[in-house]
Amino acid sequence: HNLNKSERSKIRKEVFSYSWPIIFIGIFGGLFYSIDSFILGYYKSVTEVGFYHAAVTIATLLTITPLLFLKLFFSLIMKAYSKKDKSLIKDLSKQVSKWIFIINLPAFILMFLFPGAIINLLFGKEYLVAETSLRFLLMGNLSISFYMVSLNLISMAGKSKVILKNIIFAGTLNLILDLVLIPMPKILWLDNSNGVTGSSIASFIYMLFLGYLFITQARKYTSITPFKKKMIRVIFVTFIPLIILILLKSQFEINLFTMITLVFYFLLIYFLTILLTGCLDKNDLM
């Protein structure tokens, strides 16, 4: 109420300029898998679209963790941004990225090593043709979980138009890759490749490229790269439970009971290793 007419008009323009791209971000983001499905259905069949969506459903489980953290994260960094507390934003960004990484890494490893068992459990053995597809989509969705913090940083800086341009640019690349890869009878070294595999490779490249754009632009507009050095240590110590899991996997026939047992021991060894090797700092423990 203390603002004059010109000041209120300026604020309205700024709000509108920031808000309208967000509408289209939601629209284009929602069209992503629909475009894949449409092209896959055009070149192949409705059956392959079903196989692809089964793999997509499983792979998108990796986006649950970042979504849970980022609901709180965005409101916190916006509050810090209004107070020009850049050091707090930087610390929060790195801490949240680390938590997402620690939780999603074992989930990725388990689904990547046992794609057939998970598909068979959730959808049935007729969907096993999507095993290779699931692996590519898992790699893509793992990259999404890394760059979502950077996406929030760009949004915090008021660069919603940059986000929209990134999505349109990367989405165009995905469309071109779909048109090239889906009709191919064989893709590179993958003897059992099919249209579902081609669509998944296109999606993987799309997500990887989009992540690169968001991370580099977050650094450009906020001077923040949301990664901690201890995340490298996490990668190295993960080899311990991973090697044990691979050795045990080769000794047993994979069924529901053995898979549950292997998952339990893998997660137990993973989190014990994380605790014992100093991957967590005082902020994590607090």
C-alpha atoms as a PDB file:
ATOM      1  CA  HIS A   1       0.000   0.000   0.000  1.00  0.00           C
ATOM      2  CA  ASN A   2       2.972   2.303   0.463  1.00  0.00           C
ATOM      3  CA  LEU A   3       3.985   1.912  -3.195  1.00  0.00           C
ATOM      4  CA  ASN A   4       2.929   4.421  -5.820  1.00  0.00           C
ATOM      5  CA  LYS A   5       1.187   3.459  -9.054  1.00  0.00           C
ATOM      6  CA  SER A   6       4.347   3.208 -11.181  1.00  0.00           C
ATOM      7  CA  GLU A   7       6.081   1.005  -8.594  1.00  0.00           C
ATOM      8  CA  ARG A   8       3.072  -1.335  -8.385  1.00  0.00           C
ATOM      9  CA  SER A   9       2.968  -1.524 -12.172  1.00  0.00           C
ATOM     10  CA  LYS A  10       6.657  -2.410 -12.312  1.00  0.00           C
ATOM     11  CA  ILE A  11       6.192  -5.206  -9.761  1.00  0.00           C
ATOM     12  CA  ARG A  12       3.209  -6.611 -11.692  1.00  0.00           C
ATOM     13  CA  LYS A  13       5.277  -6.680 -14.877  1.00  0.00           C
ATOM     14  CA  GLU A  14       8.147  -8.449 -13.110  1.00  0.00           C
ATOM     15  CA  VAL A  15       5.793 -11.050 -11.626  1.00  0.00           C
ATOM     16  CA  PHE A  16       4.137 -11.657 -15.006  1.00  0.00           C
ATOM     17  CA  SER A  17       7.514 -11.869 -16.760  1.00  0.00           C
ATOM     18  CA  TYR A  18       8.633 -14.526 -14.265  1.00  0.00           C
ATOM     19  CA  SER A  19       5.329 -16.432 -14.160  1.00  0.00           C
ATOM     20  CA  TRP A  20       4.269 -16.966 -17.778  1.00  0.00           C
ATOM     21  CA  PRO A  21       7.259 -19.177 -18.716  1.00  0.00           C
ATOM     22  CA  ILE A  22       6.452 -21.435 -15.723  1.00  0.00           C
ATOM     23  CA  ILE A  23       3.084 -22.308 -17.321  1.00  0.00           C
ATOM     24  CA  PHE A  24       4.797 -23.482 -20.491  1.00  0.00           C
ATOM     25  CA  ILE A  25       7.530 -25.263 -18.530  1.00  0.00           C
ATOM     26  CA  GLY A  26       4.802 -27.445 -17.023  1.00  0.00           C
ATOM     27  CA  ILE A  27       3.185 -28.026 -20.423  1.00  0.00           C
ATOM     28  CA  PHE A  28       6.387 -28.913 -22.292  1.00  0.00           C
ATOM     29  CA  GLY A  29       7.681 -30.985 -19.368  1.00  0.00           C
ATOM     30  CA  GLY A  30       4.462 -33.007 -19.400  1.00  0.00           C
ATOM     31  CA  LEU A  31       4.729 -33.590 -23.154  1.00  0.00           C
ATOM     32  CA  PHE A  32       8.183 -35.167 -22.876  1.00  0.00           C
ATOM     33  CA  TYR A  33       7.207 -38.846 -22.490  1.00  0.00           C
ATOM     34  CA  SER A  34       4.084 -38.298 -24.618  1.00  0.00           C
ATOM     35  CA  ILE A  35       6.252 -37.372 -27.620  1.00  0.00           C
ATOM     36  CA  ASP A  36       8.359 -40.508 -27.091  1.00  0.00           C
ATOM     37  CA  SER A  37       5.213 -42.632 -26.918  1.00  0.00           C
ATOM     38  CA  PHE A  38       3.659 -41.026 -30.009  1.00  0.00           C
ATOM     39  CA  ILE A  39       6.734 -41.573 -32.190  1.00  0.00           C
ATOM     40  CA  LEU A  40       7.240 -45.079 -30.797  1.00  0.00           C
ATOM     41  CA  GLY A  41       3.617 -45.933 -31.565  1.00  0.00           C
ATOM     42  CA  TYR A  42       3.884 -44.427 -35.051  1.00  0.00           C
ATOM     43  CA  TYR A  43       6.968 -46.411 -36.073  1.00  0.00           C
ATOM     44  CA  LYS A  44       6.355 -49.582 -34.052  1.00  0.00           C
ATOM     45  CA  SER A  45       3.228 -50.648 -32.176  1.00  0.00           C
ATOM     46  CA  VAL A  46       1.028 -49.951 -29.171  1.00  0.00           C
ATOM     47  CA  THR A  47       2.592 -53.007 -27.512  1.00  0.00           C
ATOM     48  CA  GLU A  48       6.051 -51.413 -27.552  1.00  0.00           C
ATOM     49  CA  VAL A  49       4.558 -48.216 -26.128  1.00  0.00           C
ATOM     50  CA  GLY A  50       3.311 -50.324 -23.206  1.00  0.00           C
ATOM     51  CA  PHE A  51       6.762 -51.841 -22.695  1.00  0.00           C
ATOM     52  CA  TYR A  52       8.320 -48.367 -22.748  1.00  0.00           C
ATOM     53  CA  HIS A  53       5.877 -46.978 -20.187  1.00  0.00           C
ATOM     54  CA  ALA A  54       6.589 -49.884 -17.842  1.00  0.00           C
ATOM     55  CA  ALA A  55      10.298 -48.954 -17.915  1.00  0.00           C
ATOM     56  CA  VAL A  56       9.472 -45.240 -17.490  1.00  0.00           C
ATOM     57  CA  THR A  57       7.293 -45.961 -14.437  1.00  0.00           C
ATOM     58  CA  ILE A  58      10.124 -47.818 -12.682  1.00  0.00           C
ATOM     59  CA  ALA A  59      12.864 -45.346 -13.654  1.00  0.00           C
ATOM     60  CA  THR A  60      10.932 -42.307 -12.423  1.00  0.00           C
ATOM     61  CA  LEU A  61      11.075 -43.735  -8.889  1.00  0.00           C
ATOM     62  CA  LEU A  62      14.493 -42.048  -8.733  1.00  0.00           C
ATOM     63  CA  THR A  63      12.801 -38.638  -8.869  1.00  0.00           C
ATOM     64  CA  ILE A  64      10.865 -39.202  -5.622  1.00  0.00           C
ATOM     65  CA  THR A  65      13.804 -38.392  -3.315  1.00  0.00           C
ATOM     66  CA  PRO A  66      14.732 -35.041  -4.914  1.00  0.00           C
ATOM     67  CA  LEU A  67      11.077 -33.982  -5.025  1.00  0.00           C
ATOM     68  CA  LEU A  68      10.703 -34.644  -1.296  1.00  0.00           C
ATOM     69  CA  PHE A  69      13.804 -32.613  -0.403  1.00  0.00           C
ATOM     70  CA  LEU A  70      13.254 -29.786  -2.877  1.00  0.00           C
ATOM     71  CA  LYS A  71       9.785 -28.876  -1.614  1.00  0.00           C
ATOM     72  CA  LEU A  72      11.462 -27.512   1.504  1.00  0.00           C
ATOM     73  CA  PHE A  73      14.741 -26.550  -0.169  1.00  0.00           C
ATOM     74  CA  PHE A  74      13.207 -24.008  -2.579  1.00  0.00           C
ATOM     75  CA  SER A  75      11.348 -22.105   0.137  1.00  0.00           C
ATOM     76  CA  LEU A  76      14.509 -21.978   2.272  1.00  0.00           C
ATOM     77  CA  ILE A  77      16.777 -20.664  -0.477  1.00  0.00           C
ATOM     78  CA  MET A  78      14.175 -18.069  -1.527  1.00  0.00           C
ATOM     79  CA  LYS A  79      14.100 -16.788   2.044  1.00  0.00           C
ATOM     80  CA  ALA A  80      17.902 -16.692   2.137  1.00  0.00           C
ATOM     81  CA  TYR A  81      17.987 -15.021  -1.299  1.00  0.00           C
ATOM     82  CA  SER A  82      15.704 -12.216  -0.085  1.00  0.00           C
ATOM     83  CA  LYS A  83      18.197 -11.620   2.741  1.00  0.00           C
ATOM     84  CA  LYS A  84      21.141 -11.844   0.293  1.00  0.00           C
ATOM     85  CA  ASP A  85      22.602 -14.692   2.355  1.00  0.00           C
ATOM     86  CA  LYS A  86      24.518 -16.401  -0.449  1.00  0.00           C
ATOM     87  CA  SER A  87      26.675 -18.514   1.870  1.00  0.00           C
ATOM     88  CA  LEU A  88      23.567 -20.180   3.332  1.00  0.00           C
ATOM     89  CA  ILE A  89      22.203 -20.877  -0.164  1.00  0.00           C
ATOM     90  CA  LYS A  90      25.510 -22.430  -1.173  1.00  0.00           C
ATOM     91  CA  ASP A  91      25.658 -24.631   1.944  1.00  0.00           C
ATOM     92  CA  LEU A  92      22.037 -25.751   1.575  1.00  0.00           C
ATOM     93  CA  SER A  93      22.515 -26.541  -2.124  1.00  0.00           C
ATOM     94  CA  LYS A  94      25.538 -28.741  -1.497  1.00  0.00           C
ATOM     95  CA  GLN A  95      24.007 -30.444   1.524  1.00  0.00           C
ATOM     96  CA  VAL A  96      20.721 -31.307  -0.217  1.00  0.00           C
ATOM     97  CA  SER A  97      22.551 -32.545  -3.332  1.00  0.00           C
ATOM     98  CA  LYS A  98      24.615 -34.839  -1.131  1.00  0.00           C
ATOM     99  CA  TRP A  99      21.557 -36.289   0.612  1.00  0.00           C
ATOM    100  CA  ILE A 100      19.804 -36.930  -2.700  1.00  0.00           C
ATOM    101  CA  PHE A 101      22.958 -38.593  -4.031  1.00  0.00           C
ATOM    102  CA  ILE A 102      23.440 -40.843  -0.975  1.00  0.00           C
ATOM    103  CA  ILE A 103      19.832 -42.073  -1.112  1.00  0.00           C
ATOM    104  CA  ASN A 104      19.480 -42.434  -4.883  1.00  0.00           C
ATOM    105  CA  LEU A 105      22.836 -44.106  -5.580  1.00  0.00           C
ATOM    106  CA  PRO A 106      21.986 -47.468  -3.936  1.00  0.00           C
ATOM    107  CA  ALA A 107      18.478 -47.396  -5.446  1.00  0.00           C
ATOM    108  CA  PHE A 108      20.019 -46.872  -8.888  1.00  0.00           C
ATOM    109  CA  ILE A 109      22.554 -49.677  -8.418  1.00  0.00           C
ATOM    110  CA  LEU A 110      19.912 -52.188  -7.316  1.00  0.00           C
ATOM    111  CA  MET A 111      17.523 -51.421 -10.167  1.00  0.00           C
ATOM    112  CA  PHE A 112      20.370 -51.325 -12.703  1.00  0.00           C
ATOM    113  CA  LEU A 113      21.683 -54.748 -11.606  1.00  0.00           C
ATOM    114  CA  PHE A 114      18.259 -56.407 -11.329  1.00  0.00           C
ATOM    115  CA  PRO A 115      16.130 -54.811 -14.086  1.00  0.00           C
ATOM    116  CA  GLY A 116      14.600 -58.115 -15.172  1.00  0.00           C
ATOM    117  CA  ALA A 117      13.633 -59.160 -11.652  1.00  0.00           C
ATOM    118  CA  ILE A 118      11.999 -55.791 -10.935  1.00  0.00           C
ATOM    119  CA  ILE A 119      10.122 -55.699 -14.250  1.00  0.00           C
ATOM    120  CA  ASN A 120       8.929 -59.274 -13.792  1.00  0.00           C
ATOM    121  CA  LEU A 121       7.793 -58.542 -10.234  1.00  0.00           C
ATOM    122  CA  LEU A 122       5.860 -55.383 -11.111  1.00  0.00           C
ATOM    123  CA  PHE A 123       4.599 -56.036 -14.657  1.00  0.00           C
ATOM    124  CA  GLY A 124       5.175 -59.671 -15.622  1.00  0.00           C
ATOM    125  CA  LYS A 125       7.646 -61.630 -17.740  1.00  0.00           C
ATOM    126  CA  GLU A 126       6.182 -60.413 -21.074  1.00  0.00           C
ATOM    127  CA  TYR A 127       7.649 -56.961 -20.270  1.00  0.00           C
ATOM    128  CA  LEU A 128      11.218 -58.270 -19.950  1.00  0.00           C
ATOM    129  CA  VAL A 129      12.026 -56.930 -23.432  1.00  0.00           C
ATOM    130  CA  ALA A 130      12.290 -53.519 -21.719  1.00  0.00           C
ATOM    131  CA  GLU A 131      15.328 -54.510 -19.597  1.00  0.00           C
ATOM    132  CA  THR A 132      17.871 -52.586 -21.679  1.00  0.00           C
ATOM    133  CA  SER A 133      15.447 -49.695 -21.989  1.00  0.00           C
ATOM    134  CA  LEU A 134      15.072 -49.530 -18.211  1.00  0.00           C
ATOM    135  CA  ARG A 135      18.838 -49.303 -17.727  1.00  0.00           C
ATOM    136  CA  PHE A 136      19.120 -46.269 -20.027  1.00  0.00           C
ATOM    137  CA  LEU A 137      16.130 -44.587 -18.384  1.00  0.00           C
ATOM    138  CA  LEU A 138      17.618 -45.220 -14.942  1.00  0.00           C
ATOM    139  CA  MET A 139      20.847 -43.464 -15.963  1.00  0.00           C
ATOM    140  CA  GLY A 140      18.818 -40.550 -17.309  1.00  0.00           C
ATOM    141  CA  ASN A 141      16.650 -40.218 -14.206  1.00  0.00           C
ATOM    142  CA  LEU A 142      19.718 -40.444 -11.972  1.00  0.00           C
ATOM    143  CA  SER A 143      21.094 -37.406 -13.822  1.00  0.00           C
ATOM    144  CA  ILE A 144      17.742 -35.652 -13.277  1.00  0.00           C
ATOM    145  CA  SER A 145      18.064 -36.145  -9.525  1.00  0.00           C
ATOM    146  CA  PHE A 146      21.456 -34.381  -9.671  1.00  0.00           C
ATOM    147  CA  TYR A 147      20.423 -31.341 -11.678  1.00  0.00           C
ATOM    148  CA  MET A 148      17.107 -30.565  -9.948  1.00  0.00           C
ATOM    149  CA  VAL A 149      18.963 -28.530  -7.299  1.00  0.00           C
ATOM    150  CA  SER A 150      20.557 -26.462 -10.084  1.00  0.00           C
ATOM    151  CA  LEU A 151      17.111 -26.020 -11.651  1.00  0.00           C
ATOM    152  CA  ASN A 152      15.856 -24.576  -8.360  1.00  0.00           C
ATOM    153  CA  LEU A 153      18.855 -22.235  -8.163  1.00  0.00           C
ATOM    154  CA  ILE A 154      18.117 -20.858 -11.642  1.00  0.00           C
ATOM    155  CA  SER A 155      14.476 -20.387 -10.675  1.00  0.00           C
ATOM    156  CA  MET A 156      15.559 -18.625  -7.477  1.00  0.00           C
ATOM    157  CA  ALA A 157      17.584 -16.192  -9.603  1.00  0.00           C
ATOM    158  CA  GLY A 158      14.394 -15.335 -11.538  1.00  0.00           C
ATOM    159  CA  LYS A 159      15.561 -16.947 -14.801  1.00  0.00           C
ATOM    160  CA  SER A 160      12.349 -18.818 -15.640  1.00  0.00           C
ATOM    161  CA  LYS A 161      12.750 -17.924 -19.327  1.00  0.00           C
ATOM    162  CA  VAL A 162      16.166 -19.617 -19.333  1.00  0.00           C
ATOM    163  CA  ILE A 163      14.590 -22.794 -17.945  1.00  0.00           C
ATOM    164  CA  LEU A 164      11.900 -22.724 -20.653  1.00  0.00           C
ATOM    165  CA  LYS A 165      14.488 -22.223 -23.408  1.00  0.00           C
ATOM    166  CA  ASN A 166      16.538 -25.130 -22.055  1.00  0.00           C
ATOM    167  CA  ILE A 167      13.539 -27.464 -22.049  1.00  0.00           C
ATOM    168  CA  ILE A 168      12.502 -26.473 -25.584  1.00  0.00           C
ATOM    169  CA  PHE A 169      16.052 -26.821 -26.906  1.00  0.00           C
ATOM    170  CA  ALA A 170      16.684 -30.178 -25.238  1.00  0.00           C
ATOM    171  CA  GLY A 171      13.181 -31.378 -26.148  1.00  0.00           C
ATOM    172  CA  THR A 172      13.875 -30.625 -29.822  1.00  0.00           C
ATOM    173  CA  LEU A 173      17.053 -32.696 -29.562  1.00  0.00           C
ATOM    174  CA  ASN A 174      15.039 -35.535 -28.022  1.00  0.00           C
ATOM    175  CA  LEU A 175      12.510 -35.371 -30.878  1.00  0.00           C
ATOM    176  CA  ILE A 176      15.266 -35.584 -33.501  1.00  0.00           C
ATOM    177  CA  LEU A 177      16.917 -38.507 -31.693  1.00  0.00           C
ATOM    178  CA  ASP A 178      13.567 -40.321 -31.471  1.00  0.00           C
ATOM    179  CA  LEU A 179      13.045 -39.947 -35.219  1.00  0.00           C
ATOM    180  CA  VAL A 180      16.532 -41.357 -35.864  1.00  0.00           C
ATOM    181  CA  LEU A 181      16.868 -44.100 -33.232  1.00  0.00           C
ATOM    182  CA  ILE A 182      13.371 -45.612 -32.966  1.00  0.00           C
ATOM    183  CA  PRO A 183      13.181 -46.868 -36.600  1.00  0.00           C
ATOM    184  CA  MET A 184      16.713 -48.345 -36.491  1.00  0.00           C
ATOM    185  CA  PRO A 185      16.761 -52.177 -36.528  1.00  0.00           C
ATOM    186  CA  LYS A 186      19.981 -52.262 -34.471  1.00  0.00           C
ATOM    187  CA  ILE A 187      21.613 -49.607 -32.310  1.00  0.00           C
ATOM    188  CA  LEU A 188      25.384 -49.746 -31.912  1.00  0.00           C
ATOM    189  CA  TRP A 189      26.464 -52.943 -30.092  1.00  0.00           C
ATOM    190  CA  LEU A 190      22.987 -53.778 -28.761  1.00  0.00           C
ATOM    191  CA  ASP A 191      21.966 -56.931 -30.616  1.00  0.00           C
ATOM    192  CA  ASN A 192      18.570 -57.077 -28.911  1.00  0.00           C
ATOM    193  CA  SER A 193      17.810 -53.385 -29.468  1.00  0.00           C
ATOM    194  CA  ASN A 194      14.323 -52.353 -30.555  1.00  0.00           C
ATOM    195  CA  GLY A 195      12.150 -49.275 -30.774  1.00  0.00           C
ATOM    196  CA  VAL A 196      11.795 -49.195 -26.989  1.00  0.00           C
ATOM    197  CA  THR A 197      15.581 -49.183 -26.635  1.00  0.00           C
ATOM    198  CA  GLY A 198      15.930 -46.398 -29.208  1.00  0.00           C
ATOM    199  CA  SER A 199      13.373 -44.237 -27.420  1.00  0.00           C
ATOM    200  CA  SER A 200      15.132 -44.822 -24.085  1.00  0.00           C
ATOM    201  CA  ILE A 201      18.553 -43.884 -25.478  1.00  0.00           C
ATOM    202  CA  ALA A 202      17.032 -40.685 -26.884  1.00  0.00           C
ATOM    203  CA  SER A 203      15.516 -39.921 -23.473  1.00  0.00           C
ATOM    204  CA  PHE A 204      18.812 -40.636 -21.722  1.00  0.00           C
ATOM    205  CA  ILE A 205      20.727 -38.221 -23.980  1.00  0.00           C
ATOM    206  CA  TYR A 206      17.967 -35.606 -23.564  1.00  0.00           C
ATOM    207  CA  MET A 207      18.101 -35.788 -19.757  1.00  0.00           C
ATOM    208  CA  LEU A 208      21.903 -35.784 -19.673  1.00  0.00           C
ATOM    209  CA  PHE A 209      22.091 -32.746 -21.956  1.00  0.00           C
ATOM    210  CA  LEU A 210      19.404 -30.886 -20.015  1.00  0.00           C
ATOM    211  CA  GLY A 211      21.279 -31.577 -16.791  1.00  0.00           C
ATOM    212  CA  TYR A 212      24.476 -30.160 -18.286  1.00  0.00           C
ATOM    213  CA  LEU A 213      22.619 -26.968 -19.287  1.00  0.00           C
ATOM    214  CA  PHE A 214      21.095 -26.474 -15.837  1.00  0.00           C
ATOM    215  CA  ILE A 215      24.315 -27.121 -13.922  1.00  0.00           C
ATOM    216  CA  THR A 216      26.416 -24.768 -16.074  1.00  0.00           C
ATOM    217  CA  GLN A 217      23.755 -22.047 -16.024  1.00  0.00           C
ATOM    218  CA  ALA A 218      23.264 -22.317 -12.260  1.00  0.00           C
ATOM    219  CA  ARG A 219      26.995 -21.693 -11.927  1.00  0.00           C
ATOM    220  CA  LYS A 220      26.713 -18.760 -14.357  1.00  0.00           C
ATOM    221  CA  TYR A 221      23.790 -16.993 -12.645  1.00  0.00           C
ATOM    222  CA  THR A 222      24.438 -17.886  -8.985  1.00  0.00           C
ATOM    223  CA  SER A 223      28.139 -18.918  -8.920  1.00  0.00           C
ATOM    224  CA  ILE A 224      27.055 -22.107  -7.146  1.00  0.00           C
ATOM    225  CA  THR A 225      27.910 -25.654  -8.180  1.00  0.00           C
ATOM    226  CA  PRO A 226      25.858 -27.865  -5.818  1.00  0.00           C
ATOM    227  CA  PHE A 227      28.344 -30.687  -5.305  1.00  0.00           C
ATOM    228  CA  LYS A 228      30.415 -31.587  -2.251  1.00  0.00           C
ATOM    229  CA  LYS A 229      33.848 -33.234  -2.384  1.00  0.00           C
ATOM    230  CA  LYS A 230      32.621 -35.978  -0.064  1.00  0.00           C
ATOM    231  CA  MET A 231      30.277 -37.156  -2.816  1.00  0.00           C
ATOM    232  CA  ILE A 232      33.396 -38.489  -4.578  1.00  0.00           C
ATOM    233  CA  ARG A 233      34.245 -40.460  -1.430  1.00  0.00           C
ATOM    234  CA  VAL A 234      30.698 -41.868  -1.431  1.00  0.00           C
ATOM    235  CA  ILE A 235      31.244 -43.171  -4.974  1.00  0.00           C
ATOM    236  CA  PHE A 236      34.478 -44.927  -4.006  1.00  0.00           C
ATOM    237  CA  VAL A 237      33.166 -46.523  -0.812  1.00  0.00           C
ATOM    238  CA  THR A 238      30.086 -47.762  -2.689  1.00  0.00           C
ATOM    239  CA  PHE A 239      32.369 -50.168  -4.558  1.00  0.00           C
ATOM    240  CA  ILE A 240      32.658 -52.239  -1.355  1.00  0.00           C
ATOM    241  CA  PRO A 241      28.961 -53.244  -1.075  1.00  0.00           C
ATOM    242  CA  LEU A 242      28.687 -53.281  -4.881  1.00  0.00           C
ATOM    243  CA  ILE A 243      31.443 -55.893  -5.300  1.00  0.00           C
ATOM    244  CA  ILE A 244      29.909 -58.008  -2.510  1.00  0.00           C
ATOM    245  CA  LEU A 245      26.491 -57.758  -4.199  1.00  0.00           C
ATOM    246  CA  ILE A 246      27.875 -58.802  -7.608  1.00  0.00           C
ATOM    247  CA  LEU A 247      29.690 -61.789  -6.070  1.00  0.00           C
ATOM    248  CA  LEU A 248      26.586 -62.926  -4.184  1.00  0.00           C
ATOM    249  CA  LYS A 249      24.399 -62.371  -7.249  1.00  0.00           C
ATOM    250  CA  SER A 250      26.481 -64.848  -9.234  1.00  0.00           C
ATOM    251  CA  GLN A 251      26.060 -67.508  -6.527  1.00  0.00           C
ATOM    252  CA  PHE A 252      22.268 -67.569  -6.282  1.00  0.00           C
ATOM    253  CA  GLU A 253      19.308 -67.976  -8.605  1.00  0.00           C
ATOM    254  CA  ILE A 254      17.407 -64.704  -8.588  1.00  0.00           C
ATOM    255  CA  ASN A 255      13.876 -65.007  -7.247  1.00  0.00           C
ATOM    256  CA  LEU A 256      11.760 -62.880  -4.931  1.00  0.00           C
ATOM    257  CA  PHE A 257      13.299 -64.283  -1.730  1.00  0.00           C
ATOM    258  CA  THR A 258      16.940 -64.065  -2.829  1.00  0.00           C
ATOM    259  CA  MET A 259      16.427 -60.584  -4.285  1.00  0.00           C
ATOM    260  CA  ILE A 260      14.921 -59.276  -1.026  1.00  0.00           C
ATOM    261  CA  THR A 261      17.795 -60.858   0.920  1.00  0.00           C
ATOM    262  CA  LEU A 262      20.463 -59.389  -1.370  1.00  0.00           C
ATOM    263  CA  VAL A 263      18.827 -55.946  -1.265  1.00  0.00           C
ATOM    264  CA  PHE A 264      18.680 -56.024   2.539  1.00  0.00           C
ATOM    265  CA  TYR A 265      22.356 -56.940   2.961  1.00  0.00           C
ATOM    266  CA  PHE A 266      23.469 -54.508   0.247  1.00  0.00           C
ATOM    267  CA  LEU A 267      21.681 -51.575   1.904  1.00  0.00           C
ATOM    268  CA  LEU A 268      22.933 -52.597   5.342  1.00  0.00           C
ATOM    269  CA  ILE A 269      26.573 -52.783   4.182  1.00  0.00           C
ATOM    270  CA  TYR A 270      26.169 -49.585   2.117  1.00  0.00           C
ATOM    271  CA  PHE A 271      24.921 -47.405   4.964  1.00  0.00           C
ATOM    272  CA  LEU A 272      27.365 -48.919   7.480  1.00  0.00           C
ATOM    273  CA  THR A 273      30.208 -48.171   5.048  1.00  0.00           C
ATOM    274  CA  ILE A 274      28.947 -44.604   4.604  1.00  0.00           C
ATOM    275  CA  LEU A 275      28.943 -44.119   8.385  1.00  0.00           C
ATOM    276  CA  LEU A 276      32.307 -45.766   9.064  1.00  0.00           C
ATOM    277  CA  THR A 277      34.279 -44.045   6.289  1.00  0.00           C
ATOM    278  CA  GLY A 278      33.456 -40.468   7.312  1.00  0.00           C
ATOM    279  CA  CYS A 279      31.212 -39.674   4.331  1.00  0.00           C
ATOM    280  CA  LEU A 280      28.825 -37.856   6.673  1.00  0.00           C
ATOM    281  CA  ASP A 281      29.848 -34.560   8.254  1.00  0.00           C
ATOM    282  CA  LYS A 282      28.481 -32.824  11.354  1.00  0.00           C
ATOM    283  CA  ASN A 283      25.669 -31.191   9.362  1.00  0.00           C
ATOM    284  CA  ASP A 284      24.473 -34.577   8.092  1.00  0.00           C
ATOM    285  CA  LEU A 285      24.491 -36.068  11.593  1.00  0.00           C
ATOM    286  CA  MET A 286      22.732 -33.037  13.050  1.00  0.00           C
END
